[in-house]
Amino acid sequence: MKSAKKNAVAAAGVLGAVMMAGSAVAPALADNGQHGNDGQSGRGETSKHVLLLSVDGMHRKDLDWYVKNHPMSSLASLVNHGTSYTHAQTPVPSDSFPGLVGQMTGGNPGTTGVYYDDTFNRALLPAGTTDCKSTAPGAEVAFTEAADKNPLALDAGQGLSGLPASILNMTGHPETLLNPAALPVDPATCQPVYPHQYLKVNTVFEVAKSAGLTTAWVDKHPAYEILNGPSGKGVDDLFTPEINSNVPSPFNGDWTKDNAATQQYDGYKVQAVLNEIAGKDHSGTQTAAVPAIFGMNFQSVSTAQKLPTSDGMTGGYLPGGATPGPLLSKALDYINASVGKLQSALESTGHSKDTTVILSAKHGQSPMDPAALTRVPDGAVIDGLNAAWKAAHPTSADLVAFATDDDIMQLWLSDHSEAAAQFAKDYLASHPAAGNDINNAPRTVPTSGLSKIYAGGGVAKYLGTTTNDSRYPDVLGIAQTGVVYTGGQGKIAEHGGASADDRDVPLVISGATDENARTVTSTVATTQIAPTILKTLGLDPNKLQAVQIEGTKALPQR
């Protein structure tokens, strides 16, 4: 999980509120009648099911290392009986939310409208607004645990007894577990905007549903009901135990604070998928068709990369960043064992013959080399920027209305003008930032820890959107490799940025008829997973709106 710095001020100072493009459903694009000639029609594919596994935080290098050192492993079996894409990259920002949305829509953030899981929208109204006529626009959009009815409960507030053991009885419709009062408000309707309404384009689940197929997914927050797509009905069975809830003894904090706890949490999700392979719903109590599209994300590798220590072991990588340390090695073993369980279940049910397995990741993690780490308190950077702005504009409010900073810096400003964005860019570029290294020794980095700074319209262009978009940040800073914006010393890596460590993830497709290993060395994007899923199922990738908008192609032939 990320630890974002949020610095919200009164939204009344936000200027230039533009069209919301948020709660409205993107219109369907016309069929051009040429789908059979573009190599994406899907005809001739044989798989009835696609199982997608996202090992969050995993790098392509991690998979290579594991297979080399464990040649008889389940992960090696996937590689040895499938196609490996050695240069697969996630979208930027490399956050979980846009990462998975990209895999399920075929679109980058500028197309999907999803830039992060916690952002700001200049056209929406703050959560809880009831007077929509006189309230100034500008609102945090927090599709995190903050949107739950009870973010401290594993079931997000459903009220199950016997937790955590009873968690598989959690509803498969997590939209019912979101707190409407925690959601931003649409000024046109004065109603809360749910995650699925915020998404601008449709999902693979919706395309599959329209073809009469069954769908399921397993993830870490109820806000992942965004995968239902604009229709709100894409996923039949969506299991989303809250990862940031309080974990029971003997652990302390949430499930991400101890890697053994994270593995326990991931275990519930693995069991849900095993139940689905067995022809049940995620709870294992109701008969259901094996989904055409289903899968889950794992968090165990991500926390093993982030935690300095856990369970008596050092987290992250050994010096040099090429070899996983003891905690991360154990986490990779856990992933391998889990993949093995899923493979065995497919074999025992006969579904190994009609299921394609895709292994990838929503994001990587940076830095891999512990010597590169510099933790920078972003609060001090933002305070300095606000002070400089007020010195030049004595009657103004703080310049930064909202910020989300992990190993990327995103600032939404109270003055939505090119001049204000340029002021922020100039300040950040001309001031060093104080931080600390892997050993907690002081370290100072130039230019606020950023290697590249985009401002105003330059941000919109970089993210592939227009200046009419109410969602993009006024300032986007690409962190220097190794810089993590955090005020504490509780993590040694993060994601969100644009470095190779953030974006270079594994991508392996193992189909029912794949007998030998194949390698594709050309650069591909994880957004290409979406059209590939549909093509594998014999469905038309061009039914995805993002595919039409961006021209996203299915992955090269295996």
Protein backbone atom coordinates (compact mmCIF):
# COMPACT_ATOMS: atom_id res chain seq x y z
CA MET A 1 0.00 0.00 0.00
CA LYS A 2 1.05 3.52 -0.59
CA SER A 3 1.47 6.14 2.08
CA ALA A 4 0.35 9.29 0.34
CA LYS A 5 0.77 12.78 1.68
CA LYS A 6 -2.59 14.48 1.45
CA ASN A 7 -2.65 18.21 1.96
CA ALA A 8 -6.22 19.34 1.39
CA VAL A 9 -7.37 22.93 1.85
CA ALA A 10 -10.67 24.66 1.21
CA ALA A 11 -11.82 23.97 -2.31
CA ALA A 12 -13.17 27.48 -2.75
CA GLY A 13 -9.80 28.65 -4.00
CA VAL A 14 -9.73 26.16 -6.84
CA LEU A 15 -9.98 28.08 -10.10
CA GLY A 16 -11.00 27.00 -13.55
CA ALA A 17 -13.38 24.16 -12.73
CA VAL A 18 -13.94 22.42 -15.99
CA MET A 19 -16.21 19.69 -17.25
CA MET A 20 -16.39 16.83 -14.83
CA ALA A 21 -15.97 13.91 -17.23
CA GLY A 22 -16.25 11.87 -14.09
CA SER A 23 -19.61 10.39 -13.24
CA ALA A 24 -20.83 10.32 -16.81
CA VAL A 25 -20.54 7.08 -18.72
CA ALA A 26 -18.42 7.34 -21.83
CA PRO A 27 -20.55 6.85 -24.95
CA ALA A 28 -20.09 3.65 -26.87
CA LEU A 29 -18.12 4.12 -30.07
CA ALA A 30 -19.49 2.97 -33.38
CA ASP A 31 -18.41 -0.38 -34.81
CA ASN A 32 -16.43 0.35 -37.95
CA GLY A 33 -17.05 -3.04 -39.46
CA GLN A 34 -13.33 -3.73 -39.92
CA HIS A 35 -12.63 -5.83 -36.87
CA GLY A 36 -12.12 -9.04 -38.81
CA ASN A 37 -9.14 -7.54 -40.65
CA ASP A 38 -7.08 -6.09 -37.82
CA GLY A 39 -5.87 -9.32 -36.23
CA GLN A 40 -7.99 -8.76 -33.13
CA SER A 41 -11.30 -10.41 -33.91
CA GLY A 42 -10.59 -13.30 -31.54
CA ARG A 43 -11.98 -15.91 -33.89
CA GLY A 44 -10.19 -19.23 -33.79
CA GLU A 45 -9.06 -19.03 -30.12
CA THR A 46 -10.03 -21.99 -27.94
CA SER A 47 -9.75 -21.05 -24.26
CA LYS A 48 -12.98 -20.92 -22.31
CA HIS A 49 -11.39 -19.28 -19.28
CA VAL A 50 -8.69 -16.73 -18.55
CA LEU A 51 -7.12 -16.67 -15.09
CA LEU A 52 -5.21 -13.43 -14.48
CA LEU A 53 -2.76 -13.29 -11.57
CA SER A 54 -1.22 -9.95 -10.56
CA VAL A 55 1.78 -10.26 -8.26
CA ASP A 56 2.00 -6.64 -7.17
CA GLY A 57 5.55 -5.35 -6.87
CA MET A 58 7.13 -8.18 -8.84
CA HIS A 59 9.71 -7.20 -11.44
CA ARG A 60 10.59 -9.15 -14.53
CA LYS A 61 14.03 -9.59 -12.94
CA ASP A 62 12.43 -11.25 -9.89
CA LEU A 63 10.70 -13.83 -12.03
CA ASP A 64 13.89 -14.50 -14.00
CA TRP A 65 15.86 -14.94 -10.79
CA TYR A 66 13.29 -17.27 -9.27
CA VAL A 67 12.98 -19.49 -12.32
CA LYS A 68 16.75 -19.72 -12.66
CA ASN A 69 17.16 -20.74 -9.04
CA HIS A 70 14.03 -22.93 -8.88
CA PRO A 71 13.85 -24.63 -12.30
CA MET A 72 11.26 -27.19 -11.15
CA SER A 73 8.95 -24.60 -9.57
CA SER A 74 5.38 -23.76 -10.49
CA LEU A 75 6.49 -20.35 -11.73
CA ALA A 76 9.07 -22.07 -13.93
CA SER A 77 6.32 -24.30 -15.29
CA LEU A 78 4.34 -21.25 -16.38
CA VAL A 79 7.39 -19.83 -18.13
CA ASN A 80 8.37 -23.16 -19.70
CA HIS A 81 4.89 -23.70 -21.11
CA GLY A 82 4.04 -20.21 -22.20
CA THR A 83 5.11 -16.96 -23.78
CA SER A 84 7.25 -14.54 -21.80
CA TYR A 85 7.27 -10.86 -22.71
CA THR A 86 10.65 -9.64 -21.50
CA HIS A 87 9.95 -5.92 -21.89
CA ALA A 88 6.47 -5.36 -20.47
CA GLN A 89 5.73 -2.00 -18.88
CA THR A 90 2.91 -0.62 -16.75
CA PRO A 91 1.21 2.74 -17.28
CA VAL A 92 2.41 5.92 -15.56
CA PRO A 93 1.59 6.60 -12.78
CA SER A 94 2.51 3.04 -11.79
CA ASP A 95 -0.08 2.80 -9.03
CA SER A 96 -2.28 -0.22 -8.33
CA PHE A 97 -5.49 1.49 -9.40
CA PRO A 98 -4.48 2.73 -12.87
CA GLY A 99 -2.34 -0.38 -13.27
CA LEU A 100 -5.22 -2.81 -12.91
CA VAL A 101 -7.70 -0.55 -14.67
CA GLY A 102 -5.29 -0.49 -17.61
CA GLN A 103 -5.12 -4.29 -17.68
CA MET A 104 -8.91 -4.54 -17.65
CA THR A 105 -9.75 -1.75 -20.12
CA GLY A 106 -6.78 -1.47 -22.48
CA GLY A 107 -6.41 2.22 -21.62
CA ASN A 108 -3.86 4.51 -20.04
CA PRO A 109 -4.89 7.00 -17.33
CA GLY A 110 -5.56 9.83 -19.77
CA THR A 111 -8.19 7.64 -21.41
CA THR A 112 -9.65 5.91 -18.37
CA GLY A 113 -9.63 9.02 -16.17
CA VAL A 114 -8.00 7.02 -13.36
CA TYR A 115 -4.66 8.59 -12.39
CA TYR A 116 -4.30 7.11 -8.90
CA ASP A 117 -6.45 5.64 -6.14
CA ASP A 118 -6.42 8.94 -4.22
CA THR A 119 -6.67 12.08 -6.33
CA PHE A 120 -8.43 15.43 -6.68
CA ASN A 121 -11.13 16.51 -9.12
CA ARG A 122 -11.64 20.20 -9.84
CA ALA A 123 -15.26 19.70 -10.93
CA LEU A 124 -16.69 17.38 -8.28
CA LEU A 125 -17.96 18.46 -4.87
CA PRO A 126 -16.52 17.30 -1.54
CA ALA A 127 -17.80 14.13 0.05
CA GLY A 128 -20.90 14.71 2.15
CA THR A 129 -22.04 17.78 0.22
CA THR A 130 -25.80 18.32 0.34
CA ASP A 131 -25.99 21.95 -0.79
CA CYS A 132 -24.80 21.40 -4.33
CA LYS A 133 -25.82 24.80 -5.67
CA SER A 134 -23.68 26.96 -3.41
CA THR A 135 -20.73 24.65 -2.73
CA ALA A 136 -17.57 25.46 -4.65
CA PRO A 137 -16.19 22.62 -6.80
CA GLY A 138 -13.03 20.77 -5.95
CA ALA A 139 -12.92 17.46 -4.11
CA GLU A 140 -10.67 14.63 -3.01
CA VAL A 141 -11.51 11.37 -4.76
CA ALA A 142 -10.37 8.68 -2.34
CA PHE A 143 -11.05 5.23 -3.73
CA THR A 144 -9.07 3.59 -0.94
CA GLU A 145 -10.00 2.08 2.40
CA ALA A 146 -11.25 5.57 3.29
CA ALA A 147 -14.34 4.83 1.19
CA ASP A 148 -15.34 1.77 3.26
CA LYS A 149 -18.24 1.75 5.68
CA ASN A 150 -15.70 0.50 8.22
CA PRO A 151 -12.10 0.68 7.02
CA LEU A 152 -10.89 -1.06 10.19
CA ALA A 153 -12.85 -4.24 9.48
CA LEU A 154 -11.63 -6.99 7.17
CA ASP A 155 -15.16 -7.21 5.76
CA ALA A 156 -15.21 -3.40 5.32
CA GLY A 157 -18.23 -3.07 7.58
CA GLN A 158 -20.48 -5.91 6.46
CA GLY A 159 -20.70 -7.10 10.05
CA LEU A 160 -19.64 -10.73 9.73
CA SER A 161 -19.07 -12.61 12.96
CA GLY A 162 -16.04 -14.80 13.49
CA LEU A 163 -13.57 -12.72 11.50
CA PRO A 164 -11.06 -13.28 10.04
CA ALA A 165 -11.92 -16.97 9.59
CA SER A 166 -15.36 -16.13 8.21
CA ILE A 167 -14.14 -13.65 5.60
CA LEU A 168 -15.02 -15.88 2.66
CA ASN A 169 -18.65 -15.14 3.53
CA MET A 170 -18.09 -11.51 2.55
CA THR A 171 -20.43 -10.27 -0.15
CA GLY A 172 -19.51 -10.51 -3.82
CA HIS A 173 -21.03 -7.06 -4.35
CA PRO A 174 -18.67 -4.73 -2.46
CA GLU A 175 -20.31 -1.58 -3.82
CA THR A 176 -22.78 -2.14 -0.97
CA LEU A 177 -19.91 -1.73 1.51
CA LEU A 178 -18.88 1.74 0.34
CA ASN A 179 -19.90 4.68 2.48
CA PRO A 180 -21.81 7.17 0.28
CA ALA A 181 -20.83 9.98 2.64
CA ALA A 182 -17.15 9.29 1.89
CA LEU A 183 -17.57 9.59 -1.88
CA PRO A 184 -17.27 12.78 -3.96
CA VAL A 185 -20.49 14.33 -5.17
CA ASP A 186 -21.64 15.02 -8.71
CA PRO A 187 -22.80 18.66 -8.86
CA ALA A 188 -25.30 17.87 -11.62
CA THR A 189 -27.18 15.21 -9.65
CA CYS A 190 -26.04 16.01 -6.09
CA GLN A 191 -25.41 12.27 -5.69
CA PRO A 192 -22.26 10.40 -4.63
CA VAL A 193 -19.97 9.23 -7.42
CA TYR A 194 -19.14 5.55 -7.08
CA PRO A 195 -15.87 4.18 -8.48
CA HIS A 196 -17.55 2.44 -11.42
CA GLN A 197 -19.24 5.72 -12.35
CA TYR A 198 -15.90 7.51 -12.31
CA LEU A 199 -14.37 5.20 -14.93
CA LYS A 200 -14.68 6.70 -18.41
CA VAL A 201 -14.52 3.47 -20.44
CA ASN A 202 -15.85 -0.07 -20.25
CA THR A 203 -14.03 -3.16 -19.00
CA VAL A 204 -13.35 -6.69 -20.22
CA PHE A 205 -15.85 -7.88 -17.64
CA GLU A 206 -18.63 -5.88 -19.25
CA VAL A 207 -17.75 -7.20 -22.71
CA ALA A 208 -17.77 -10.75 -21.38
CA LYS A 209 -21.09 -10.20 -19.61
CA SER A 210 -22.66 -8.87 -22.80
CA ALA A 211 -21.61 -12.16 -24.44
CA GLY A 212 -23.38 -14.13 -21.74
CA LEU A 213 -20.23 -15.18 -19.87
CA THR A 214 -19.60 -15.34 -16.12
CA THR A 215 -17.02 -13.08 -14.45
CA ALA A 216 -15.23 -12.82 -11.10
CA TRP A 217 -12.33 -10.99 -9.49
CA VAL A 218 -10.55 -10.80 -6.13
CA ASP A 219 -8.79 -7.67 -4.84
CA LYS A 220 -7.83 -5.56 -1.83
CA HIS A 221 -10.45 -2.79 -1.33
CA PRO A 222 -14.20 -2.57 -1.98
CA ALA A 223 -13.39 0.42 -4.19
CA TYR A 224 -12.19 -2.09 -6.76
CA GLU A 225 -15.84 -2.28 -7.69
CA ILE A 226 -14.57 0.17 -10.32
CA LEU A 227 -14.01 -3.01 -12.36
CA ASN A 228 -17.77 -3.29 -12.74
CA GLY A 229 -17.33 -0.54 -15.33
CA PRO A 230 -19.75 2.27 -16.16
CA SER A 231 -22.65 -0.17 -16.32
CA GLY A 232 -22.02 -1.11 -12.70
CA LYS A 233 -22.66 -4.77 -13.54
CA GLY A 234 -19.45 -6.16 -15.04
CA VAL A 235 -18.32 -8.53 -12.30
CA ASP A 236 -20.66 -11.27 -11.08
CA ASP A 237 -18.57 -12.18 -8.03
CA LEU A 238 -16.20 -9.56 -6.65
CA PHE A 239 -14.43 -10.51 -3.42
CA THR A 240 -12.57 -7.59 -1.82
CA PRO A 241 -11.45 -8.08 1.79
CA GLU A 242 -10.01 -4.82 3.14
CA ILE A 243 -6.22 -5.10 3.32
CA ASN A 244 -5.77 -1.99 5.46
CA SER A 245 -8.07 -3.25 8.19
CA ASN A 246 -6.88 -4.17 11.67
CA VAL A 247 -5.17 -7.55 11.71
CA PRO A 248 -5.79 -9.90 14.67
CA SER A 249 -3.14 -10.89 17.19
CA PRO A 250 -0.27 -11.75 17.12
CA PHE A 251 0.24 -9.08 14.46
CA ASN A 252 -0.04 -5.34 14.96
CA GLY A 253 -1.41 -2.76 12.56
CA ASP A 254 -2.97 -3.67 9.22
CA TRP A 255 -2.24 -6.67 7.03
CA THR A 256 0.60 -4.91 5.21
CA LYS A 257 2.68 -4.25 8.33
CA ASP A 258 3.89 -7.82 8.70
CA ASN A 259 4.69 -10.08 5.76
CA ALA A 260 3.36 -13.20 7.47
CA ALA A 261 0.07 -11.35 7.94
CA THR A 262 0.07 -10.34 4.28
CA GLN A 263 0.51 -13.96 3.28
CA GLN A 264 -2.38 -14.94 5.53
CA TYR A 265 -4.48 -12.24 3.87
CA ASP A 266 -3.48 -13.38 0.37
CA GLY A 267 -4.38 -16.91 1.42
CA TYR A 268 -8.05 -15.97 1.79
CA LYS A 269 -8.01 -14.65 -1.77
CA VAL A 270 -6.29 -17.76 -3.10
CA GLN A 271 -8.98 -19.89 -1.48
CA ALA A 272 -11.65 -17.77 -3.12
CA VAL A 273 -10.16 -18.46 -6.55
CA LEU A 274 -9.79 -22.17 -5.74
CA ASN A 275 -13.50 -22.21 -4.89
CA GLU A 276 -14.28 -20.60 -8.25
CA ILE A 277 -12.17 -23.16 -10.12
CA ALA A 278 -14.19 -25.84 -8.33
CA GLY A 279 -17.46 -24.48 -9.72
CA LYS A 280 -18.51 -22.48 -6.68
CA ASP A 281 -18.78 -18.81 -5.86
CA HIS A 282 -15.87 -17.24 -3.96
CA SER A 283 -17.32 -18.37 -0.62
CA GLY A 284 -17.43 -22.01 -1.73
CA THR A 285 -21.04 -22.29 -0.57
CA GLN A 286 -22.96 -21.68 -3.80
CA THR A 287 -22.73 -23.50 -7.10
CA ALA A 288 -21.60 -21.22 -9.92
CA ALA A 289 -20.18 -21.48 -13.41
CA VAL A 290 -16.40 -21.32 -13.60
CA PRO A 291 -15.82 -17.71 -14.67
CA ALA A 292 -14.68 -16.90 -18.18
CA ILE A 293 -12.53 -14.09 -16.73
CA PHE A 294 -11.32 -14.33 -13.15
CA GLY A 295 -8.26 -13.95 -10.97
CA MET A 296 -6.67 -12.01 -8.13
CA ASN A 297 -3.86 -9.82 -6.97
CA PHE A 298 -1.15 -10.80 -4.48
CA GLN A 299 0.28 -8.35 -1.95
CA SER A 300 2.93 -10.54 -0.29
CA VAL A 301 5.79 -9.58 -2.61
CA SER A 302 4.94 -5.89 -2.35
CA THR A 303 5.11 -5.78 1.44
CA ALA A 304 8.30 -7.88 1.48
CA GLN A 305 9.87 -5.27 -0.78
CA LYS A 306 8.69 -2.34 1.32
CA LEU A 307 9.21 -3.48 4.91
CA PRO A 308 12.72 -2.86 6.32
CA THR A 309 12.32 -5.98 8.46
CA SER A 310 9.55 -8.44 9.24
CA ASP A 311 9.30 -11.80 10.95
CA GLY A 312 12.97 -11.59 11.93
CA MET A 313 14.13 -11.12 8.32
CA THR A 314 15.43 -8.19 6.31
CA GLY A 315 13.13 -6.90 3.59
CA GLY A 316 13.93 -5.84 0.06
CA TYR A 317 16.99 -6.84 -1.94
CA LEU A 318 20.59 -7.62 -1.17
CA PRO A 319 23.17 -4.91 -1.98
CA GLY A 320 23.22 -4.24 -5.70
CA GLY A 321 19.51 -4.92 -6.08
CA ALA A 322 19.82 -8.07 -8.20
CA THR A 323 19.06 -10.70 -5.57
CA PRO A 324 16.01 -10.83 -3.30
CA GLY A 325 16.81 -10.75 0.39
CA PRO A 326 15.53 -13.35 2.87
CA LEU A 327 12.06 -11.86 3.43
CA LEU A 328 11.43 -11.29 -0.26
CA SER A 329 12.75 -14.74 -1.15
CA LYS A 330 10.26 -16.25 1.29
CA ALA A 331 7.46 -14.16 -0.21
CA LEU A 332 8.35 -15.38 -3.70
CA ASP A 333 8.24 -18.94 -2.37
CA TYR A 334 4.75 -18.20 -1.10
CA ILE A 335 3.66 -16.91 -4.52
CA ASN A 336 5.13 -19.99 -6.16
CA ALA A 337 3.28 -22.31 -3.77
CA SER A 338 0.03 -20.43 -4.37
CA VAL A 339 0.42 -20.63 -8.14
CA GLY A 340 1.06 -24.34 -7.71
CA LYS A 341 -2.22 -24.74 -5.81
CA LEU A 342 -4.10 -22.96 -8.57
CA GLN A 343 -2.40 -25.06 -11.26
CA SER A 344 -3.25 -28.27 -9.37
CA ALA A 345 -6.88 -27.18 -9.04
CA LEU A 346 -7.10 -26.53 -12.77
CA GLU A 347 -5.61 -29.97 -13.43
CA SER A 348 -7.89 -31.82 -11.02
CA THR A 349 -11.03 -30.21 -12.43
CA GLY A 350 -10.01 -30.68 -16.05
CA HIS A 351 -9.79 -26.93 -16.62
CA SER A 352 -6.09 -26.90 -17.40
CA LYS A 353 -7.17 -27.91 -20.91
CA ASP A 354 -9.40 -24.89 -21.47
CA THR A 355 -7.83 -22.17 -19.31
CA THR A 356 -5.19 -19.61 -20.23
CA VAL A 357 -3.18 -18.28 -17.28
CA ILE A 358 -1.73 -14.77 -17.41
CA LEU A 359 0.85 -13.71 -14.81
CA SER A 360 1.77 -10.04 -14.47
CA ALA A 361 1.77 -7.16 -11.98
CA LYS A 362 -0.07 -3.89 -11.51
CA HIS A 363 3.26 -2.22 -10.70
CA GLY A 364 6.86 -2.84 -9.72
CA GLN A 365 8.66 -1.26 -6.77
CA SER A 366 11.52 1.22 -6.47
CA PRO A 367 14.36 1.12 -5.62
CA MET A 368 15.62 -2.41 -5.98
CA ASP A 369 19.13 -1.41 -4.92
CA PRO A 370 18.95 -0.47 -1.22
CA ALA A 371 21.92 1.89 -1.62
CA ALA A 372 19.79 4.07 -3.93
CA LEU A 373 17.10 4.71 -1.33
CA THR A 374 16.47 8.27 -0.16
CA ARG A 375 13.39 8.83 1.98
CA VAL A 376 12.19 12.42 1.67
CA PRO A 377 9.46 13.90 3.90
CA ASP A 378 7.15 15.41 1.31
CA GLY A 379 5.39 17.53 3.92
CA ALA A 380 8.48 19.72 4.25
CA VAL A 381 8.68 20.14 0.49
CA ILE A 382 5.02 21.18 0.26
CA ASP A 383 5.31 23.50 3.26
CA GLY A 384 8.24 25.24 1.62
CA LEU A 385 6.34 25.65 -1.63
CA ASN A 386 3.30 27.07 0.15
CA ALA A 387 5.46 29.51 2.11
CA ALA A 388 7.14 30.73 -1.07
CA TRP A 389 3.76 31.22 -2.74
CA LYS A 390 2.38 33.21 0.18
CA ALA A 391 5.49 35.37 0.29
CA ALA A 392 4.83 36.31 -3.33
CA HIS A 393 1.03 36.42 -2.90
CA PRO A 394 0.37 37.59 0.70
CA THR A 395 -3.43 37.38 0.51
CA SER A 396 -3.56 33.95 -1.11
CA ALA A 397 -4.37 30.58 0.41
CA ASP A 398 -1.86 27.74 0.35
CA LEU A 399 -0.97 26.92 -3.23
CA VAL A 400 -1.19 23.14 -2.82
CA ALA A 401 -4.80 22.06 -2.45
CA PHE A 402 -4.05 18.35 -2.53
CA ALA A 403 -1.01 16.12 -2.97
CA THR A 404 -0.39 12.43 -3.53
CA ASP A 405 3.28 11.51 -3.32
CA ASP A 406 4.85 8.04 -3.25
CA ASP A 407 7.84 7.81 -5.58
CA ILE A 408 6.02 10.28 -7.78
CA MET A 409 4.81 13.77 -6.88
CA GLN A 410 1.34 14.90 -7.91
CA LEU A 411 0.10 18.33 -6.85
CA TRP A 412 -3.32 19.85 -7.41
CA LEU A 413 -3.19 23.61 -6.88
CA SER A 414 -5.68 26.08 -5.48
CA ASP A 415 -4.83 28.31 -8.45
CA HIS A 416 -5.42 26.29 -11.60
CA SER A 417 -3.46 28.55 -13.90
CA GLU A 418 -0.37 28.04 -16.02
CA ALA A 419 1.39 30.77 -14.06
CA ALA A 420 0.76 29.08 -10.71
CA ALA A 421 1.83 25.68 -12.07
CA GLN A 422 5.02 27.24 -13.44
CA PHE A 423 5.68 28.87 -10.06
CA ALA A 424 5.45 25.48 -8.37
CA LYS A 425 7.67 23.87 -10.99
CA ASP A 426 10.32 26.58 -10.62
CA TYR A 427 10.31 26.26 -6.85
CA LEU A 428 10.64 22.48 -6.89
CA ALA A 429 13.42 22.65 -9.47
CA SER A 430 15.44 25.18 -7.50
CA HIS A 431 15.31 23.74 -3.99
CA PRO A 432 17.05 20.68 -2.53
CA ALA A 433 15.24 18.30 -0.19
CA ALA A 434 16.52 16.71 2.99
CA GLY A 435 16.03 13.00 3.59
CA ASN A 436 17.69 9.85 4.86
CA ASP A 437 19.20 6.73 3.34
CA ILE A 438 18.73 3.01 3.96
CA ASN A 439 20.75 3.32 7.19
CA ASN A 440 18.76 6.39 8.30
CA ALA A 441 21.78 8.62 7.71
CA PRO A 442 21.03 12.15 6.45
CA ARG A 443 21.05 12.62 2.69
CA THR A 444 20.14 15.67 0.63
CA VAL A 445 18.86 15.43 -2.94
CA PRO A 446 18.72 18.25 -5.51
CA THR A 447 15.56 19.60 -7.22
CA SER A 448 13.23 18.35 -4.48
CA GLY A 449 14.20 14.78 -5.34
CA LEU A 450 12.75 15.04 -8.84
CA SER A 451 14.38 14.20 -12.16
CA LYS A 452 11.66 15.72 -14.34
CA ILE A 453 8.88 18.17 -13.58
CA TYR A 454 5.80 18.76 -15.72
CA ALA A 455 3.49 21.71 -15.12
CA GLY A 456 0.06 22.83 -16.30
CA GLY A 457 -0.68 21.86 -19.87
CA GLY A 458 2.57 19.91 -19.95
CA VAL A 459 1.09 17.48 -17.42
CA ALA A 460 -2.02 16.99 -19.53
CA LYS A 461 0.11 16.28 -22.59
CA TYR A 462 2.36 13.84 -20.72
CA LEU A 463 -0.65 11.93 -19.36
CA GLY A 464 -2.43 11.84 -22.69
CA THR A 465 -5.35 14.06 -21.81
CA THR A 466 -6.49 17.64 -22.51
CA THR A 467 -6.55 20.76 -20.39
CA ASN A 468 -10.34 20.40 -20.20
CA ASP A 469 -9.83 17.35 -17.99
CA SER A 470 -10.80 18.16 -14.41
CA ARG A 471 -8.73 15.31 -13.02
CA TYR A 472 -5.07 15.64 -13.97
CA PRO A 473 -2.65 17.20 -11.46
CA ASP A 474 -1.31 20.71 -12.03
CA VAL A 475 2.21 19.51 -11.30
CA LEU A 476 3.63 16.06 -11.94
CA GLY A 477 7.11 15.29 -10.66
CA ILE A 478 9.01 12.18 -11.72
CA ALA A 479 11.16 11.16 -8.79
CA GLN A 480 14.84 10.44 -9.06
CA THR A 481 15.41 6.68 -8.91
CA GLY A 482 15.49 5.69 -5.26
CA VAL A 483 13.58 8.68 -3.88
CA VAL A 484 10.54 7.73 -1.82
CA TYR A 485 8.37 10.48 -0.38
CA THR A 486 7.65 9.47 3.19
CA GLY A 487 7.96 11.16 6.54
CA GLY A 488 8.96 8.02 8.40
CA GLN A 489 11.39 5.14 8.16
CA GLY A 490 8.84 2.37 7.85
CA LYS A 491 9.43 1.57 4.18
CA ILE A 492 12.39 1.02 1.91
CA ALA A 493 10.58 1.06 -1.44
CA GLU A 494 7.46 2.42 -3.11
CA HIS A 495 5.70 2.59 -6.45
CA GLY A 496 3.83 5.13 -8.53
CA GLY A 497 6.70 6.55 -10.53
CA ALA A 498 8.17 6.10 -13.97
CA SER A 499 11.50 4.39 -13.34
CA ALA A 500 12.33 0.94 -14.67
CA ASP A 501 12.01 -0.45 -11.14
CA ASP A 502 8.43 0.87 -11.05
CA ARG A 503 7.33 -0.21 -14.51
CA ASP A 504 9.25 -3.28 -15.70
CA VAL A 505 7.00 -6.14 -14.66
CA PRO A 506 6.64 -9.80 -15.60
CA LEU A 507 4.17 -10.82 -18.26
CA VAL A 508 3.71 -14.50 -19.04
CA ILE A 509 0.83 -16.12 -20.91
CA SER A 510 0.48 -19.88 -20.56
CA GLY A 511 -2.29 -21.29 -22.72
CA ALA A 512 -3.93 -24.66 -22.72
CA THR A 513 -2.12 -25.68 -25.91
CA ASP A 514 1.27 -24.14 -25.08
CA GLU A 515 3.90 -26.86 -24.76
CA ASN A 516 7.15 -24.97 -25.18
CA ALA A 517 8.62 -21.72 -23.91
CA ARG A 518 8.51 -18.73 -26.22
CA THR A 519 9.98 -15.28 -25.74
CA VAL A 520 8.86 -11.94 -27.14
CA THR A 521 11.56 -9.30 -26.73
CA SER A 522 9.75 -6.29 -28.19
CA THR A 523 8.42 -3.68 -25.77
CA VAL A 524 4.80 -4.24 -24.84
CA ALA A 525 2.39 -2.60 -22.41
CA THR A 526 0.30 -4.22 -19.70
CA THR A 527 -2.70 -2.40 -21.20
CA GLN A 528 -2.42 -4.97 -23.99
CA ILE A 529 -3.61 -7.62 -21.55
CA ALA A 530 -7.22 -6.45 -21.96
CA PRO A 531 -7.57 -7.04 -25.71
CA THR A 532 -5.57 -10.26 -25.33
CA ILE A 533 -8.04 -11.59 -22.76
CA LEU A 534 -10.96 -10.96 -25.09
CA LYS A 535 -9.18 -12.37 -28.12
CA THR A 536 -8.28 -15.50 -26.15
CA LEU A 537 -11.95 -16.00 -25.34
CA GLY A 538 -12.96 -15.49 -28.95
CA LEU A 539 -14.46 -12.07 -28.22
CA ASP A 540 -13.88 -8.85 -30.12
CA PRO A 541 -11.26 -6.59 -28.45
CA ASN A 542 -12.71 -3.64 -30.32
CA LYS A 543 -15.72 -3.80 -28.03
CA LEU A 544 -13.47 -2.07 -25.52
CA GLN A 545 -13.79 1.70 -25.78
CA ALA A 546 -10.18 2.29 -24.71
CA VAL A 547 -8.97 -0.11 -27.41
CA GLN A 548 -10.79 1.98 -29.99
CA ILE A 549 -9.54 5.28 -28.54
CA GLU A 550 -5.88 4.27 -28.15
CA GLY A 551 -5.64 1.57 -30.80
CA THR A 552 -4.43 -0.90 -28.18
CA LYS A 553 -3.40 -4.17 -29.80
CA ALA A 554 -3.52 -7.67 -28.41
CA LEU A 555 -0.11 -8.94 -27.38
CA PRO A 556 2.05 -10.28 -30.23
CA GLN A 557 1.34 -13.82 -31.32
CA ARG A 558 2.80 -16.49 -29.13
